[in-house]
């Protein structure tokens, strides 16, 4: 790695910044550990695109409730939809 700034690794024509947490554990390992703990707790990960107006509405509700993230708001909305569909 001579001649390269600390934290950069040359791979082909690309350079990747290697970040370390305060504990010295690489970010990739920390993320993998978080995902494993969530999986063990019976939780999955979902990625989806939403129209901006829905995101703005979610953010308004999040702010009103003081929620730490959008996740609990989205989880509640999905649960309510599923309950409604099951009653129909």
Foldseek 3Di string as FASTA:
>chain_A
DPPDPPQWDDDPPDIDGFDADPVRHTPVVVVVVVQVVCVVVVHHDDDDDDPPVVVVVLVVVCVVVVPPDSVVVVVVVVVVVVVVVVVD
